[in-house]
Amino acid sequence: MNLKKQFLLISLILLTWACDSGNSIHYQPALLQLEDSLEQTPQKTLHALWLMDTTAFRPEDRQLYHYIAYKGAMLLPDEKNPKPEELSIGYFREKGDSARLYQLYYYLGQVYTGRFAWLRASNSFAEARKYAGQNPRRVFQAKLGEAYVYRFKMMY
């Protein structure tokens, strides 16, 4: 009887581990640290990002790299940044990473607002609102971006 309980316990532990390990995405810690520090020190972070060796990156690390470069290009529009790729949006949409999709569309809306591309900015903020989920702060930010766009749109 004791042997059956041990067998069931070990089977349960192995089954739980097997189910959890296949669904999660693990990024390189260096990239995650750069992502966290991007908003506080964007120039320093982008410089460190450009110095990284990307040859050994897995596909998910490469997409996170492009995502950070894309977000950095939006935070520092006057800097000479690498061109952001639409691949990042497609990749994170495929993986269902709504937090990063929200940020990409939100910053894209800010860039379009700065360039007076009202329709594109409005569409970007609307997409950001879709990916905001139940987070009230994100929903508020996206709606505030849309309100800013509509205010200027109505003036002209």
C-alpha atoms as a PDB file:
ATOM      1  CA  MET A   1       0.000   0.000   0.000  1.00  0.00           C
ATOM      2  CA  ASN A   2       2.832   2.393   0.877  1.00  0.00           C
ATOM      3  CA  LEU A   3       4.494   1.636  -2.473  1.00  0.00           C
ATOM      4  CA  LYS A   4       1.322   2.638  -4.342  1.00  0.00           C
ATOM      5  CA  LYS A   5       1.171   5.997  -2.542  1.00  0.00           C
ATOM      6  CA  GLN A   6       4.824   6.707  -3.344  1.00  0.00           C
ATOM      7  CA  PHE A   7       4.288   5.751  -6.977  1.00  0.00           C
ATOM      8  CA  LEU A   8       1.227   8.009  -7.242  1.00  0.00           C
ATOM      9  CA  LEU A   9       3.036  10.897  -5.554  1.00  0.00           C
ATOM     10  CA  ILE A  10       6.059  10.613  -7.876  1.00  0.00           C
ATOM     11  CA  SER A  11       3.760  10.294 -10.911  1.00  0.00           C
ATOM     12  CA  LEU A  12       1.828  13.385  -9.857  1.00  0.00           C
ATOM     13  CA  ILE A  13       5.016  15.410  -9.387  1.00  0.00           C
ATOM     14  CA  LEU A  14       6.408  14.339 -12.761  1.00  0.00           C
ATOM     15  CA  LEU A  15       3.117  15.030 -14.507  1.00  0.00           C
ATOM     16  CA  THR A  16       2.882  18.490 -12.977  1.00  0.00           C
ATOM     17  CA  TRP A  17       6.444  19.296 -13.993  1.00  0.00           C
ATOM     18  CA  ALA A  18       5.877  18.028 -17.552  1.00  0.00           C
ATOM     19  CA  CYS A  19       2.734  20.126 -17.973  1.00  0.00           C
ATOM     20  CA  ASP A  20       4.325  23.312 -16.650  1.00  0.00           C
ATOM     21  CA  SER A  21       7.605  23.145 -18.536  1.00  0.00           C
ATOM     22  CA  GLY A  22       6.139  22.986 -22.038  1.00  0.00           C
ATOM     23  CA  ASN A  23       3.968  26.109 -21.950  1.00  0.00           C
ATOM     24  CA  SER A  24       6.216  28.763 -20.470  1.00  0.00           C
ATOM     25  CA  ILE A  25       8.645  30.921 -22.387  1.00  0.00           C
ATOM     26  CA  HIS A  26      11.975  31.616 -20.733  1.00  0.00           C
ATOM     27  CA  TYR A  27      13.969  34.566 -22.017  1.00  0.00           C
ATOM     28  CA  GLN A  28      17.620  35.284 -21.366  1.00  0.00           C
ATOM     29  CA  PRO A  29      18.022  37.084 -18.023  1.00  0.00           C
ATOM     30  CA  ALA A  30      20.204  39.788 -19.595  1.00  0.00           C
ATOM     31  CA  LEU A  31      17.390  40.720 -21.977  1.00  0.00           C
ATOM     32  CA  LEU A  32      14.844  40.810 -19.172  1.00  0.00           C
ATOM     33  CA  GLN A  33      17.101  43.135 -17.163  1.00  0.00           C
ATOM     34  CA  LEU A  34      17.451  45.439 -20.177  1.00  0.00           C
ATOM     35  CA  GLU A  35      13.685  45.460 -20.633  1.00  0.00           C
ATOM     36  CA  ASP A  36      13.192  46.451 -16.987  1.00  0.00           C
ATOM     37  CA  SER A  37      15.711  49.291 -17.153  1.00  0.00           C
ATOM     38  CA  LEU A  38      14.623  50.674 -20.536  1.00  0.00           C
ATOM     39  CA  GLU A  39      12.170  53.265 -19.251  1.00  0.00           C
ATOM     40  CA  GLN A  40      14.496  54.625 -16.540  1.00  0.00           C
ATOM     41  CA  THR A  41      17.673  54.889 -18.645  1.00  0.00           C
ATOM     42  CA  PRO A  42      16.758  54.441 -22.318  1.00  0.00           C
ATOM     43  CA  GLN A  43      20.029  55.643 -23.871  1.00  0.00           C
ATOM     44  CA  LYS A  44      22.222  53.480 -21.653  1.00  0.00           C
ATOM     45  CA  THR A  45      19.950  50.474 -22.118  1.00  0.00           C
ATOM     46  CA  LEU A  46      19.845  50.783 -25.906  1.00  0.00           C
ATOM     47  CA  HIS A  47      23.614  51.131 -26.010  1.00  0.00           C
ATOM     48  CA  ALA A  48      23.968  47.918 -23.986  1.00  0.00           C
ATOM     49  CA  LEU A  49      21.402  46.244 -26.250  1.00  0.00           C
ATOM     50  CA  TRP A  50      23.324  47.133 -29.397  1.00  0.00           C
ATOM     51  CA  LEU A  51      26.533  45.733 -27.918  1.00  0.00           C
ATOM     52  CA  MET A  52      24.969  42.319 -27.224  1.00  0.00           C
ATOM     53  CA  ASP A  53      26.044  39.299 -29.251  1.00  0.00           C
ATOM     54  CA  THR A  54      22.872  38.015 -30.889  1.00  0.00           C
ATOM     55  CA  THR A  55      24.338  35.007 -32.701  1.00  0.00           C
ATOM     56  CA  ALA A  56      23.393  32.515 -29.973  1.00  0.00           C
ATOM     57  CA  PHE A  57      19.843  33.836 -29.494  1.00  0.00           C
ATOM     58  CA  ARG A  58      16.901  31.491 -29.722  1.00  0.00           C
ATOM     59  CA  PRO A  59      13.930  32.713 -31.790  1.00  0.00           C
ATOM     60  CA  GLU A  60      12.042  33.926 -28.711  1.00  0.00           C
ATOM     61  CA  ASP A  61      15.135  35.806 -27.467  1.00  0.00           C
ATOM     62  CA  ARG A  62      15.555  37.405 -30.886  1.00  0.00           C
ATOM     63  CA  GLN A  63      11.944  38.617 -30.813  1.00  0.00           C
ATOM     64  CA  LEU A  64      12.382  40.066 -27.325  1.00  0.00           C
ATOM     65  CA  TYR A  65      15.551  41.790 -28.575  1.00  0.00           C
ATOM     66  CA  HIS A  66      13.565  43.381 -31.428  1.00  0.00           C
ATOM     67  CA  TYR A  67      10.779  44.292 -29.030  1.00  0.00           C
ATOM     68  CA  ILE A  68      13.217  46.147 -26.741  1.00  0.00           C
ATOM     69  CA  ALA A  69      14.788  47.915 -29.736  1.00  0.00           C
ATOM     70  CA  TYR A  70      11.307  48.814 -31.008  1.00  0.00           C
ATOM     71  CA  LYS A  71      10.230  50.212 -27.653  1.00  0.00           C
ATOM     72  CA  GLY A  72      13.518  52.092 -27.325  1.00  0.00           C
ATOM     73  CA  ALA A  73      13.031  53.627 -30.772  1.00  0.00           C
ATOM     74  CA  MET A  74       9.674  54.930 -29.600  1.00  0.00           C
ATOM     75  CA  LEU A  75      11.040  56.280 -26.321  1.00  0.00           C
ATOM     76  CA  LEU A  76      13.927  58.078 -28.043  1.00  0.00           C
ATOM     77  CA  PRO A  77      12.605  59.136 -31.458  1.00  0.00           C
ATOM     78  CA  ASP A  78      15.498  61.542 -32.106  1.00  0.00           C
ATOM     79  CA  GLU A  79      18.190  58.901 -31.639  1.00  0.00           C
ATOM     80  CA  LYS A  80      19.479  56.813 -34.533  1.00  0.00           C
ATOM     81  CA  ASN A  81      17.855  53.543 -33.565  1.00  0.00           C
ATOM     82  CA  PRO A  82      17.583  50.392 -35.617  1.00  0.00           C
ATOM     83  CA  LYS A  83      14.313  50.221 -37.550  1.00  0.00           C
ATOM     84  CA  PRO A  84      11.632  48.431 -35.540  1.00  0.00           C
ATOM     85  CA  GLU A  85      10.232  45.319 -37.149  1.00  0.00           C
ATOM     86  CA  GLU A  86       6.640  44.264 -37.499  1.00  0.00           C
ATOM     87  CA  LEU A  87       7.872  40.761 -36.707  1.00  0.00           C
ATOM     88  CA  SER A  88       7.734  41.542 -33.007  1.00  0.00           C
ATOM     89  CA  ILE A  89       4.041  42.364 -33.092  1.00  0.00           C
ATOM     90  CA  GLY A  90       3.275  39.182 -35.021  1.00  0.00           C
ATOM     91  CA  TYR A  91       5.416  37.071 -32.744  1.00  0.00           C
ATOM     92  CA  PHE A  92       3.945  38.380 -29.489  1.00  0.00           C
ATOM     93  CA  ARG A  93       0.432  38.113 -30.955  1.00  0.00           C
ATOM     94  CA  GLU A  94       1.136  34.484 -31.822  1.00  0.00           C
ATOM     95  CA  LYS A  95       2.445  33.791 -28.311  1.00  0.00           C
ATOM     96  CA  GLY A  96      -0.436  35.663 -26.689  1.00  0.00           C
ATOM     97  CA  ASP A  97       1.819  38.066 -24.775  1.00  0.00           C
ATOM     98  CA  SER A  98      -0.760  40.786 -24.198  1.00  0.00           C
ATOM     99  CA  ALA A  99       1.428  42.892 -21.885  1.00  0.00           C
ATOM    100  CA  ARG A 100       4.085  43.439 -24.536  1.00  0.00           C
ATOM    101  CA  LEU A 101       1.504  43.902 -27.282  1.00  0.00           C
ATOM    102  CA  TYR A 102      -0.176  46.591 -25.188  1.00  0.00           C
ATOM    103  CA  GLN A 103       3.132  48.421 -24.747  1.00  0.00           C
ATOM    104  CA  LEU A 104       4.062  48.156 -28.416  1.00  0.00           C
ATOM    105  CA  TYR A 105       0.747  49.556 -29.613  1.00  0.00           C
ATOM    106  CA  TYR A 106       0.667  52.231 -26.912  1.00  0.00           C
ATOM    107  CA  TYR A 107       4.139  53.549 -27.787  1.00  0.00           C
ATOM    108  CA  LEU A 108       3.346  53.278 -31.479  1.00  0.00           C
ATOM    109  CA  GLY A 109       0.298  55.472 -30.838  1.00  0.00           C
ATOM    110  CA  GLN A 110       2.512  58.009 -29.096  1.00  0.00           C
ATOM    111  CA  VAL A 111       4.920  58.066 -32.035  1.00  0.00           C
ATOM    112  CA  TYR A 112       2.094  58.578 -34.533  1.00  0.00           C
ATOM    113  CA  THR A 113       0.645  61.335 -32.348  1.00  0.00           C
ATOM    114  CA  GLY A 114       4.005  63.098 -32.373  1.00  0.00           C
ATOM    115  CA  ARG A 115       4.049  62.865 -36.170  1.00  0.00           C
ATOM    116  CA  PHE A 116       0.450  64.174 -36.446  1.00  0.00           C
ATOM    117  CA  ALA A 117      -0.731  60.915 -38.035  1.00  0.00           C
ATOM    118  CA  TRP A 118      -4.075  61.033 -36.230  1.00  0.00           C
ATOM    119  CA  LEU A 119      -5.783  58.031 -37.809  1.00  0.00           C
ATOM    120  CA  ARG A 120      -2.798  55.731 -37.257  1.00  0.00           C
ATOM    121  CA  ALA A 121      -2.408  56.992 -33.693  1.00  0.00           C
ATOM    122  CA  SER A 122      -6.081  56.381 -32.980  1.00  0.00           C
ATOM    123  CA  ASN A 123      -5.884  52.850 -34.394  1.00  0.00           C
ATOM    124  CA  SER A 124      -2.771  52.105 -32.335  1.00  0.00           C
ATOM    125  CA  PHE A 125      -4.386  53.291 -29.110  1.00  0.00           C
ATOM    126  CA  ALA A 126      -7.494  51.237 -29.903  1.00  0.00           C
ATOM    127  CA  GLU A 127      -5.301  48.151 -30.393  1.00  0.00           C
ATOM    128  CA  ALA A 128      -3.512  48.925 -27.128  1.00  0.00           C
ATOM    129  CA  ARG A 129      -6.875  49.072 -25.370  1.00  0.00           C
ATOM    130  CA  LYS A 130      -7.713  45.605 -26.718  1.00  0.00           C
ATOM    131  CA  TYR A 131      -4.575  44.168 -25.146  1.00  0.00           C
ATOM    132  CA  ALA A 132      -4.898  46.114 -21.875  1.00  0.00           C
ATOM    133  CA  GLY A 133      -7.113  43.382 -20.474  1.00  0.00           C
ATOM    134  CA  GLN A 134      -8.552  44.038 -17.020  1.00  0.00           C
ATOM    135  CA  ASN A 135      -5.703  46.325 -15.937  1.00  0.00           C
ATOM    136  CA  PRO A 136      -7.424  49.666 -15.195  1.00  0.00           C
ATOM    137  CA  ARG A 137      -4.219  51.686 -15.468  1.00  0.00           C
ATOM    138  CA  ARG A 138      -3.501  50.387 -18.975  1.00  0.00           C
ATOM    139  CA  VAL A 139      -7.101  50.913 -20.084  1.00  0.00           C
ATOM    140  CA  PHE A 140      -6.964  54.474 -18.733  1.00  0.00           C
ATOM    141  CA  GLN A 141      -3.658  55.206 -20.502  1.00  0.00           C
ATOM    142  CA  ALA A 142      -4.981  53.909 -23.828  1.00  0.00           C
ATOM    143  CA  LYS A 143      -8.212  55.889 -23.503  1.00  0.00           C
ATOM    144  CA  LEU A 144      -6.261  58.992 -22.524  1.00  0.00           C
ATOM    145  CA  GLY A 145      -4.122  58.586 -25.643  1.00  0.00           C
ATOM    146  CA  GLU A 146      -7.257  58.290 -27.764  1.00  0.00           C
ATOM    147  CA  ALA A 147      -8.756  61.377 -26.116  1.00  0.00           C
ATOM    148  CA  TYR A 148      -5.591  63.358 -26.837  1.00  0.00           C
ATOM    149  CA  VAL A 149      -5.749  62.306 -30.493  1.00  0.00           C
ATOM    150  CA  TYR A 150      -9.444  63.188 -30.821  1.00  0.00           C
ATOM    151  CA  ARG A 151      -8.888  66.562 -29.191  1.00  0.00           C
ATOM    152  CA  PHE A 152      -6.361  67.573 -31.834  1.00  0.00           C
ATOM    153  CA  LYS A 153      -8.295  65.840 -34.576  1.00  0.00           C
ATOM    154  CA  MET A 154     -11.355  67.975 -33.828  1.00  0.00           C
ATOM    155  CA  MET A 155      -9.322  71.168 -33.731  1.00  0.00           C
ATOM    156  CA  TYR A 156      -8.124  70.770 -37.336  1.00  0.00           C
END
